[in-house]
């Protein structure tokens, strides 16, 4: 009898949680619904009925937004900046974490904790001096932007790599050294492949951050021809605030790459977390 009561109670709790989950999902998806359906409406229809489906679905808004956003060009710039920054961050921070973890001296320990402490410094506290210095060095361009992403992305990436490296036995490196491998070859051919779960996590975290970043590109990039998607969207949205149908169509175009990346990366982030937990 008691077992029956427990099962019925558990079933009731699951139903309540399921209903709550559905309501929460609808709440979070409602802004995307509003943006999507209104991007297919005319200006007049948008102001008449915001929540209802359009009477006539039109793609003219997307054609106009596509041309004025210079979507393919802007998308290419964002992909280049994001991909290059992430590759540079992965290469430099994985090597730095390996050296810091394998050397047990005070210098390595102090350096590691300095990287950790740097995560506590807000970007707003250093952005003006940084931009002033980079301006004097003539690095207020895409190259300078990638260099700054390396600096801001290093702390968290080194922290993640450093923790994972503790689970890799040093005997592998000793065996490689005995076989005549240099330090660089030992890292690149022995250690780096074993860091794959953490590398995937580092890549995903930095891709999401760099792709969506607005503040740093707005300070560094001052030419319309080299604007990233968040920057281009900001100016496009500001230009068409009275024409919400165009603005919302442009917003949908900029959201699509993020959604595609999310679905592609979802499986890998779960695998990396699982592999990391097994390793530890």
C-alpha atoms as a PDB file:
ATOM      1  CA  UNK A   1       0.000   0.000   0.000  1.00  0.00           C
ATOM      2  CA  UNK A   2       2.800   2.400   0.940  1.00  0.00           C
ATOM      3  CA  UNK A   3       4.656   1.505  -2.240  1.00  0.00           C
ATOM      4  CA  UNK A   4       1.554   2.326  -4.264  1.00  0.00           C
ATOM      5  CA  UNK A   5       1.268   5.711  -2.560  1.00  0.00           C
ATOM      6  CA  UNK A   6       4.912   6.474  -3.279  1.00  0.00           C
ATOM      7  CA  UNK A   7       4.483   5.613  -6.962  1.00  0.00           C
ATOM      8  CA  UNK A   8       1.360   7.782  -7.278  1.00  0.00           C
ATOM      9  CA  UNK A   9       3.130  10.640  -5.479  1.00  0.00           C
ATOM     10  CA  UNK A  10       6.165  10.285  -7.740  1.00  0.00           C
ATOM     11  CA  UNK A  11       3.925  10.242 -10.808  1.00  0.00           C
ATOM     12  CA  UNK A  12       2.116  13.366  -9.605  1.00  0.00           C
ATOM     13  CA  UNK A  13       5.452  15.151  -8.980  1.00  0.00           C
ATOM     14  CA  UNK A  14       6.642  14.230 -12.478  1.00  0.00           C
ATOM     15  CA  UNK A  15       3.433  15.604 -14.015  1.00  0.00           C
ATOM     16  CA  UNK A  16       3.781  18.878 -12.064  1.00  0.00           C
ATOM     17  CA  UNK A  17       7.451  19.203 -13.068  1.00  0.00           C
ATOM     18  CA  UNK A  18       6.543  18.437 -16.683  1.00  0.00           C
ATOM     19  CA  UNK A  19       3.864  21.159 -16.747  1.00  0.00           C
ATOM     20  CA  UNK A  20       6.246  23.615 -15.081  1.00  0.00           C
ATOM     21  CA  UNK A  21       8.956  22.760 -17.636  1.00  0.00           C
ATOM     22  CA  UNK A  22       6.569  23.325 -20.554  1.00  0.00           C
ATOM     23  CA  UNK A  23       5.438  26.702 -19.161  1.00  0.00           C
ATOM     24  CA  UNK A  24       9.056  27.734 -18.584  1.00  0.00           C
ATOM     25  CA  UNK A  25       9.994  26.698 -22.136  1.00  0.00           C
ATOM     26  CA  UNK A  26       7.076  28.709 -23.559  1.00  0.00           C
ATOM     27  CA  UNK A  27       8.174  31.717 -21.515  1.00  0.00           C
ATOM     28  CA  UNK A  28      11.725  31.541 -22.877  1.00  0.00           C
ATOM     29  CA  UNK A  29      10.614  30.840 -26.456  1.00  0.00           C
ATOM     30  CA  UNK A  30       8.014  33.629 -26.568  1.00  0.00           C
ATOM     31  CA  UNK A  31      10.508  36.398 -27.562  1.00  0.00           C
ATOM     32  CA  UNK A  32      11.769  34.241 -30.466  1.00  0.00           C
ATOM     33  CA  UNK A  33       8.164  33.634 -31.549  1.00  0.00           C
ATOM     34  CA  UNK A  34       7.401  37.367 -31.534  1.00  0.00           C
ATOM     35  CA  UNK A  35      10.582  38.220 -33.454  1.00  0.00           C
ATOM     36  CA  UNK A  36      10.019  35.480 -36.039  1.00  0.00           C
ATOM     37  CA  UNK A  37       6.341  36.059 -36.910  1.00  0.00           C
ATOM     38  CA  UNK A  38       6.684  39.850 -36.989  1.00  0.00           C
ATOM     39  CA  UNK A  39       9.675  39.668 -39.330  1.00  0.00           C
ATOM     40  CA  UNK A  40       7.264  38.407 -42.040  1.00  0.00           C
ATOM     41  CA  UNK A  41       4.724  41.205 -41.608  1.00  0.00           C
ATOM     42  CA  UNK A  42       4.335  44.579 -43.251  1.00  0.00           C
ATOM     43  CA  UNK A  43       4.906  47.654 -41.119  1.00  0.00           C
ATOM     44  CA  UNK A  44       1.181  48.365 -40.833  1.00  0.00           C
ATOM     45  CA  UNK A  45       0.230  44.803 -39.903  1.00  0.00           C
ATOM     46  CA  UNK A  46       3.009  44.613 -37.317  1.00  0.00           C
ATOM     47  CA  UNK A  47       1.606  47.540 -35.354  1.00  0.00           C
ATOM     48  CA  UNK A  48      -1.960  46.287 -35.700  1.00  0.00           C
ATOM     49  CA  UNK A  49      -1.339  42.768 -34.326  1.00  0.00           C
ATOM     50  CA  UNK A  50       1.959  41.852 -32.710  1.00  0.00           C
ATOM     51  CA  UNK A  51       1.088  38.408 -31.341  1.00  0.00           C
ATOM     52  CA  UNK A  52      -0.877  36.942 -34.255  1.00  0.00           C
ATOM     53  CA  UNK A  53       0.375  35.204 -37.385  1.00  0.00           C
ATOM     54  CA  UNK A  54       0.682  37.463 -40.444  1.00  0.00           C
ATOM     55  CA  UNK A  55      -2.287  37.514 -42.812  1.00  0.00           C
ATOM     56  CA  UNK A  56       0.144  37.541 -45.746  1.00  0.00           C
ATOM     57  CA  UNK A  57       3.631  36.091 -45.261  1.00  0.00           C
ATOM     58  CA  UNK A  58       6.179  38.265 -47.062  1.00  0.00           C
ATOM     59  CA  UNK A  59       9.938  37.799 -47.484  1.00  0.00           C
ATOM     60  CA  UNK A  60      10.562  41.361 -48.697  1.00  0.00           C
ATOM     61  CA  UNK A  61      11.823  42.327 -45.243  1.00  0.00           C
ATOM     62  CA  UNK A  62      14.488  39.620 -45.409  1.00  0.00           C
ATOM     63  CA  UNK A  63      15.586  40.614 -48.910  1.00  0.00           C
ATOM     64  CA  UNK A  64      16.030  44.222 -47.806  1.00  0.00           C
ATOM     65  CA  UNK A  65      17.760  43.296 -44.531  1.00  0.00           C
ATOM     66  CA  UNK A  66      20.023  40.789 -46.327  1.00  0.00           C
ATOM     67  CA  UNK A  67      21.255  43.451 -48.753  1.00  0.00           C
ATOM     68  CA  UNK A  68      21.635  46.289 -46.252  1.00  0.00           C
ATOM     69  CA  UNK A  69      23.378  44.099 -43.679  1.00  0.00           C
ATOM     70  CA  UNK A  70      25.782  42.845 -46.382  1.00  0.00           C
ATOM     71  CA  UNK A  71      25.094  39.543 -44.683  1.00  0.00           C
ATOM     72  CA  UNK A  72      27.597  37.218 -46.383  1.00  0.00           C
ATOM     73  CA  UNK A  73      30.452  39.705 -46.054  1.00  0.00           C
ATOM     74  CA  UNK A  74      29.658  40.449 -42.408  1.00  0.00           C
ATOM     75  CA  UNK A  75      29.192  36.738 -41.677  1.00  0.00           C
ATOM     76  CA  UNK A  76      32.592  36.002 -43.226  1.00  0.00           C
ATOM     77  CA  UNK A  77      34.283  38.647 -41.064  1.00  0.00           C
ATOM     78  CA  UNK A  78      32.668  37.265 -37.907  1.00  0.00           C
ATOM     79  CA  UNK A  79      33.634  33.694 -38.809  1.00  0.00           C
ATOM     80  CA  UNK A  80      37.236  34.756 -39.519  1.00  0.00           C
ATOM     81  CA  UNK A  81      37.599  36.714 -36.271  1.00  0.00           C
ATOM     82  CA  UNK A  82      35.963  33.999 -34.159  1.00  0.00           C
ATOM     83  CA  UNK A  83      37.743  31.019 -35.732  1.00  0.00           C
ATOM     84  CA  UNK A  84      41.183  32.668 -35.723  1.00  0.00           C
ATOM     85  CA  UNK A  85      40.803  33.891 -32.141  1.00  0.00           C
ATOM     86  CA  UNK A  86      39.679  30.474 -30.883  1.00  0.00           C
ATOM     87  CA  UNK A  87      42.507  28.614 -32.672  1.00  0.00           C
ATOM     88  CA  UNK A  88      45.094  31.055 -31.285  1.00  0.00           C
ATOM     89  CA  UNK A  89      43.628  30.783 -27.771  1.00  0.00           C
ATOM     90  CA  UNK A  90      43.639  26.956 -27.875  1.00  0.00           C
ATOM     91  CA  UNK A  91      47.247  26.690 -29.122  1.00  0.00           C
ATOM     92  CA  UNK A  92      48.805  29.228 -26.748  1.00  0.00           C
ATOM     93  CA  UNK A  93      46.809  28.443 -23.616  1.00  0.00           C
ATOM     94  CA  UNK A  94      47.196  24.653 -23.898  1.00  0.00           C
ATOM     95  CA  UNK A  95      50.978  25.011 -24.183  1.00  0.00           C
ATOM     96  CA  UNK A  96      51.088  27.566 -21.353  1.00  0.00           C
ATOM     97  CA  UNK A  97      48.965  25.361 -19.074  1.00  0.00           C
ATOM     98  CA  UNK A  98      51.204  22.347 -19.797  1.00  0.00           C
ATOM     99  CA  UNK A  99      54.367  24.245 -18.862  1.00  0.00           C
ATOM    100  CA  UNK A 100      52.783  25.737 -15.731  1.00  0.00           C
ATOM    101  CA  UNK A 101      51.404  22.377 -14.546  1.00  0.00           C
ATOM    102  CA  UNK A 102      54.581  20.362 -15.189  1.00  0.00           C
ATOM    103  CA  UNK A 103      56.943  22.889 -13.563  1.00  0.00           C
ATOM    104  CA  UNK A 104      56.481  22.852  -9.814  1.00  0.00           C
ATOM    105  CA  UNK A 105      58.551  25.940  -9.057  1.00  0.00           C
ATOM    106  CA  UNK A 106      57.302  29.052  -7.285  1.00  0.00           C
ATOM    107  CA  UNK A 107      57.448  31.073 -10.506  1.00  0.00           C
ATOM    108  CA  UNK A 108      55.004  28.709 -12.244  1.00  0.00           C
ATOM    109  CA  UNK A 109      52.653  28.720  -9.251  1.00  0.00           C
ATOM    110  CA  UNK A 110      52.667  32.514  -8.984  1.00  0.00           C
ATOM    111  CA  UNK A 111      52.134  32.882 -12.744  1.00  0.00           C
ATOM    112  CA  UNK A 112      49.209  30.444 -12.670  1.00  0.00           C
ATOM    113  CA  UNK A 113      47.502  32.278  -9.807  1.00  0.00           C
ATOM    114  CA  UNK A 114      48.029  35.579 -11.636  1.00  0.00           C
ATOM    115  CA  UNK A 115      46.054  34.148 -14.555  1.00  0.00           C
ATOM    116  CA  UNK A 116      43.326  33.039 -12.142  1.00  0.00           C
ATOM    117  CA  UNK A 117      43.251  36.475 -10.483  1.00  0.00           C
ATOM    118  CA  UNK A 118      42.913  38.112 -13.918  1.00  0.00           C
ATOM    119  CA  UNK A 119      39.467  36.481 -14.283  1.00  0.00           C
ATOM    120  CA  UNK A 120      38.227  38.703 -11.452  1.00  0.00           C
ATOM    121  CA  UNK A 121      39.145  41.955 -13.244  1.00  0.00           C
ATOM    122  CA  UNK A 122      36.126  43.359 -15.149  1.00  0.00           C
ATOM    123  CA  UNK A 123      36.716  44.377 -18.755  1.00  0.00           C
ATOM    124  CA  UNK A 124      35.206  47.818 -18.106  1.00  0.00           C
ATOM    125  CA  UNK A 125      38.080  48.595 -15.706  1.00  0.00           C
ATOM    126  CA  UNK A 126      40.760  48.182 -18.376  1.00  0.00           C
ATOM    127  CA  UNK A 127      39.009  48.959 -21.661  1.00  0.00           C
ATOM    128  CA  UNK A 128      39.905  52.659 -21.953  1.00  0.00           C
ATOM    129  CA  UNK A 129      43.642  52.307 -21.107  1.00  0.00           C
ATOM    130  CA  UNK A 130      43.801  49.225 -23.349  1.00  0.00           C
ATOM    131  CA  UNK A 131      42.236  50.999 -26.333  1.00  0.00           C
ATOM    132  CA  UNK A 132      44.547  53.982 -25.792  1.00  0.00           C
ATOM    133  CA  UNK A 133      47.640  51.746 -25.809  1.00  0.00           C
ATOM    134  CA  UNK A 134      46.452  49.721 -28.800  1.00  0.00           C
ATOM    135  CA  UNK A 135      45.742  52.976 -30.640  1.00  0.00           C
ATOM    136  CA  UNK A 136      49.325  54.145 -30.095  1.00  0.00           C
ATOM    137  CA  UNK A 137      50.533  50.801 -31.498  1.00  0.00           C
ATOM    138  CA  UNK A 138      48.209  51.157 -34.549  1.00  0.00           C
ATOM    139  CA  UNK A 139      46.413  47.932 -33.592  1.00  0.00           C
ATOM    140  CA  UNK A 140      42.840  49.188 -33.686  1.00  0.00           C
ATOM    141  CA  UNK A 141      41.935  46.685 -36.400  1.00  0.00           C
ATOM    142  CA  UNK A 142      40.968  43.032 -36.795  1.00  0.00           C
ATOM    143  CA  UNK A 143      44.511  41.858 -35.981  1.00  0.00           C
ATOM    144  CA  UNK A 144      44.507  43.873 -32.765  1.00  0.00           C
ATOM    145  CA  UNK A 145      41.036  42.553 -31.920  1.00  0.00           C
ATOM    146  CA  UNK A 146      42.243  38.933 -32.224  1.00  0.00           C
ATOM    147  CA  UNK A 147      45.291  39.741 -30.092  1.00  0.00           C
ATOM    148  CA  UNK A 148      43.060  41.205 -27.365  1.00  0.00           C
ATOM    149  CA  UNK A 149      40.756  38.174 -27.482  1.00  0.00           C
ATOM    150  CA  UNK A 150      43.826  36.021 -26.808  1.00  0.00           C
ATOM    151  CA  UNK A 151      44.585  38.113 -23.741  1.00  0.00           C
ATOM    152  CA  UNK A 152      41.047  38.100 -22.347  1.00  0.00           C
ATOM    153  CA  UNK A 153      40.417  34.428 -23.163  1.00  0.00           C
ATOM    154  CA  UNK A 154      43.657  33.067 -21.698  1.00  0.00           C
ATOM    155  CA  UNK A 155      42.777  33.002 -18.005  1.00  0.00           C
ATOM    156  CA  UNK A 156      39.753  30.703 -18.129  1.00  0.00           C
ATOM    157  CA  UNK A 157      41.283  28.494 -20.835  1.00  0.00           C
ATOM    158  CA  UNK A 158      44.533  28.002 -18.901  1.00  0.00           C
ATOM    159  CA  UNK A 159      42.526  27.220 -15.770  1.00  0.00           C
ATOM    160  CA  UNK A 160      40.540  24.502 -17.602  1.00  0.00           C
ATOM    161  CA  UNK A 161      43.589  22.971 -19.293  1.00  0.00           C
ATOM    162  CA  UNK A 162      45.642  23.106 -16.079  1.00  0.00           C
ATOM    163  CA  UNK A 163      43.041  21.089 -14.177  1.00  0.00           C
ATOM    164  CA  UNK A 164      42.731  18.440 -16.902  1.00  0.00           C
ATOM    165  CA  UNK A 165      46.522  18.041 -17.279  1.00  0.00           C
ATOM    166  CA  UNK A 166      46.748  16.792 -13.684  1.00  0.00           C
ATOM    167  CA  UNK A 167      44.968  13.596 -14.763  1.00  0.00           C
ATOM    168  CA  UNK A 168      47.541  12.841 -17.518  1.00  0.00           C
ATOM    169  CA  UNK A 169      50.440  10.716 -16.186  1.00  0.00           C
ATOM    170  CA  UNK A 170      53.939  12.128 -16.627  1.00  0.00           C
ATOM    171  CA  UNK A 171      55.247   8.697 -17.587  1.00  0.00           C
ATOM    172  CA  UNK A 172      53.875   9.261 -21.099  1.00  0.00           C
ATOM    173  CA  UNK A 173      56.109  12.300 -21.502  1.00  0.00           C
ATOM    174  CA  UNK A 174      59.129  10.536 -20.010  1.00  0.00           C
ATOM    175  CA  UNK A 175      58.666   7.656 -22.449  1.00  0.00           C
ATOM    176  CA  UNK A 176      58.444  10.089 -25.375  1.00  0.00           C
ATOM    177  CA  UNK A 177      61.588  11.920 -24.227  1.00  0.00           C
ATOM    178  CA  UNK A 178      63.480   8.601 -23.988  1.00  0.00           C
ATOM    179  CA  UNK A 179      62.423   7.816 -27.571  1.00  0.00           C
ATOM    180  CA  UNK A 180      64.013  11.087 -28.687  1.00  0.00           C
ATOM    181  CA  UNK A 181      61.018  13.436 -28.894  1.00  0.00           C
ATOM    182  CA  UNK A 182      61.636  17.118 -28.312  1.00  0.00           C
ATOM    183  CA  UNK A 183      59.435  19.035 -25.871  1.00  0.00           C
ATOM    184  CA  UNK A 184      57.407  20.517 -28.704  1.00  0.00           C
ATOM    185  CA  UNK A 185      56.814  17.117 -30.356  1.00  0.00           C
ATOM    186  CA  UNK A 186      55.988  15.570 -26.983  1.00  0.00           C
ATOM    187  CA  UNK A 187      53.324  18.170 -26.400  1.00  0.00           C
ATOM    188  CA  UNK A 188      51.923  18.244 -29.925  1.00  0.00           C
ATOM    189  CA  UNK A 189      51.814  14.488 -30.619  1.00  0.00           C
ATOM    190  CA  UNK A 190      51.381  13.008 -27.119  1.00  0.00           C
ATOM    191  CA  UNK A 191      49.746  15.546 -24.782  1.00  0.00           C
ATOM    192  CA  UNK A 192      47.590  17.703 -27.065  1.00  0.00           C
ATOM    193  CA  UNK A 193      45.491  14.802 -28.494  1.00  0.00           C
ATOM    194  CA  UNK A 194      44.688  13.736 -24.914  1.00  0.00           C
ATOM    195  CA  UNK A 195      43.362  17.242 -24.210  1.00  0.00           C
ATOM    196  CA  UNK A 196      40.535  16.846 -26.748  1.00  0.00           C
ATOM    197  CA  UNK A 197      37.623  16.936 -24.224  1.00  0.00           C
ATOM    198  CA  UNK A 198      38.919  20.160 -22.654  1.00  0.00           C
ATOM    199  CA  UNK A 199      39.810  21.604 -26.059  1.00  0.00           C
ATOM    200  CA  UNK A 200      36.194  21.137 -27.211  1.00  0.00           C
ATOM    201  CA  UNK A 201      34.915  22.835 -24.047  1.00  0.00           C
ATOM    202  CA  UNK A 202      37.388  25.721 -24.417  1.00  0.00           C
ATOM    203  CA  UNK A 203      36.465  26.122 -28.090  1.00  0.00           C
ATOM    204  CA  UNK A 204      32.712  26.201 -27.440  1.00  0.00           C
ATOM    205  CA  UNK A 205      32.952  28.657 -24.534  1.00  0.00           C
ATOM    206  CA  UNK A 206      35.177  31.037 -26.511  1.00  0.00           C
ATOM    207  CA  UNK A 207      33.152  30.743 -29.728  1.00  0.00           C
ATOM    208  CA  UNK A 208      29.932  31.740 -27.936  1.00  0.00           C
ATOM    209  CA  UNK A 209      31.659  34.622 -26.137  1.00  0.00           C
ATOM    210  CA  UNK A 210      33.592  36.016 -29.118  1.00  0.00           C
ATOM    211  CA  UNK A 211      30.745  35.574 -31.629  1.00  0.00           C
ATOM    212  CA  UNK A 212      28.286  37.498 -29.434  1.00  0.00           C
ATOM    213  CA  UNK A 213      30.764  40.108 -28.181  1.00  0.00           C
ATOM    214  CA  UNK A 214      29.764  43.681 -28.935  1.00  0.00           C
ATOM    215  CA  UNK A 215      31.714  45.942 -26.584  1.00  0.00           C
ATOM    216  CA  UNK A 216      35.297  45.124 -27.634  1.00  0.00           C
ATOM    217  CA  UNK A 217      34.659  45.280 -31.424  1.00  0.00           C
ATOM    218  CA  UNK A 218      32.771  48.567 -30.934  1.00  0.00           C
ATOM    219  CA  UNK A 219      35.908  50.053 -29.339  1.00  0.00           C
ATOM    220  CA  UNK A 220      38.425  48.550 -31.754  1.00  0.00           C
ATOM    221  CA  UNK A 221      36.751  48.394 -35.184  1.00  0.00           C
ATOM    222  CA  UNK A 222      35.973  51.832 -36.585  1.00  0.00           C
ATOM    223  CA  UNK A 223      35.448  50.943 -40.250  1.00  0.00           C
ATOM    224  CA  UNK A 224      32.025  49.775 -41.537  1.00  0.00           C
ATOM    225  CA  UNK A 225      33.761  47.393 -43.964  1.00  0.00           C
ATOM    226  CA  UNK A 226      35.212  45.297 -41.106  1.00  0.00           C
ATOM    227  CA  UNK A 227      32.289  45.231 -38.675  1.00  0.00           C
ATOM    228  CA  UNK A 228      31.281  41.928 -37.071  1.00  0.00           C
ATOM    229  CA  UNK A 229      27.671  40.674 -36.940  1.00  0.00           C
ATOM    230  CA  UNK A 230      26.804  42.092 -33.458  1.00  0.00           C
ATOM    231  CA  UNK A 231      28.242  45.475 -34.445  1.00  0.00           C
ATOM    232  CA  UNK A 232      26.521  45.554 -37.840  1.00  0.00           C
ATOM    233  CA  UNK A 233      23.242  44.495 -36.234  1.00  0.00           C
ATOM    234  CA  UNK A 234      23.484  47.288 -33.675  1.00  0.00           C
ATOM    235  CA  UNK A 235      23.861  49.986 -36.326  1.00  0.00           C
ATOM    236  CA  UNK A 236      21.256  48.341 -38.571  1.00  0.00           C
ATOM    237  CA  UNK A 237      18.751  48.140 -35.702  1.00  0.00           C
ATOM    238  CA  UNK A 238      19.434  51.752 -34.752  1.00  0.00           C
ATOM    239  CA  UNK A 239      18.881  52.880 -38.338  1.00  0.00           C
ATOM    240  CA  UNK A 240      15.542  51.068 -38.679  1.00  0.00           C
ATOM    241  CA  UNK A 241      13.993  51.504 -35.229  1.00  0.00           C
ATOM    242  CA  UNK A 242      10.867  52.990 -36.840  1.00  0.00           C
ATOM    243  CA  UNK A 243      10.706  50.130 -39.351  1.00  0.00           C
ATOM    244  CA  UNK A 244      10.499  47.182 -36.982  1.00  0.00           C
ATOM    245  CA  UNK A 245       9.689  44.723 -39.770  1.00  0.00           C
ATOM    246  CA  UNK A 246      13.119  45.362 -41.378  1.00  0.00           C
ATOM    247  CA  UNK A 247      14.877  45.438 -38.005  1.00  0.00           C
ATOM    248  CA  UNK A 248      13.357  42.140 -36.850  1.00  0.00           C
ATOM    249  CA  UNK A 249      14.204  40.432 -40.153  1.00  0.00           C
ATOM    250  CA  UNK A 250      17.811  41.547 -39.711  1.00  0.00           C
ATOM    251  CA  UNK A 251      17.751  40.241 -36.147  1.00  0.00           C
ATOM    252  CA  UNK A 252      16.533  36.807 -37.306  1.00  0.00           C
ATOM    253  CA  UNK A 253      19.353  36.634 -39.880  1.00  0.00           C
ATOM    254  CA  UNK A 254      21.939  37.300 -37.172  1.00  0.00           C
ATOM    255  CA  UNK A 255      20.412  34.726 -34.792  1.00  0.00           C
ATOM    256  CA  UNK A 256      20.439  31.860 -37.336  1.00  0.00           C
ATOM    257  CA  UNK A 257      24.250  31.206 -37.230  1.00  0.00           C
ATOM    258  CA  UNK A 258      24.164  31.027 -33.414  1.00  0.00           C
ATOM    259  CA  UNK A 259      21.285  28.515 -33.459  1.00  0.00           C
ATOM    260  CA  UNK A 260      23.053  26.375 -36.087  1.00  0.00           C
ATOM    261  CA  UNK A 261      26.259  26.425 -34.024  1.00  0.00           C
ATOM    262  CA  UNK A 262      24.338  25.483 -30.882  1.00  0.00           C
ATOM    263  CA  UNK A 263      22.814  22.385 -32.473  1.00  0.00           C
ATOM    264  CA  UNK A 264      26.173  21.338 -33.925  1.00  0.00           C
ATOM    265  CA  UNK A 265      28.019  21.881 -30.635  1.00  0.00           C
ATOM    266  CA  UNK A 266      25.429  20.447 -28.241  1.00  0.00           C
ATOM    267  CA  UNK A 267      26.523  16.835 -28.739  1.00  0.00           C
ATOM    268  CA  UNK A 268      30.219  17.710 -28.362  1.00  0.00           C
ATOM    269  CA  UNK A 269      29.839  19.700 -25.154  1.00  0.00           C
ATOM    270  CA  UNK A 270      27.971  16.795 -23.529  1.00  0.00           C
ATOM    271  CA  UNK A 271      30.697  14.383 -24.669  1.00  0.00           C
ATOM    272  CA  UNK A 272      33.453  16.638 -23.348  1.00  0.00           C
ATOM    273  CA  UNK A 273      31.802  17.006 -19.946  1.00  0.00           C
ATOM    274  CA  UNK A 274      31.295  13.228 -19.709  1.00  0.00           C
ATOM    275  CA  UNK A 275      34.870  12.482 -20.772  1.00  0.00           C
ATOM    276  CA  UNK A 276      36.220  15.041 -18.331  1.00  0.00           C
ATOM    277  CA  UNK A 277      34.301  13.539 -15.439  1.00  0.00           C
ATOM    278  CA  UNK A 278      35.533  10.048 -16.297  1.00  0.00           C
ATOM    279  CA  UNK A 279      39.128  11.259 -16.568  1.00  0.00           C
ATOM    280  CA  UNK A 280      38.978  12.944 -13.184  1.00  0.00           C
END
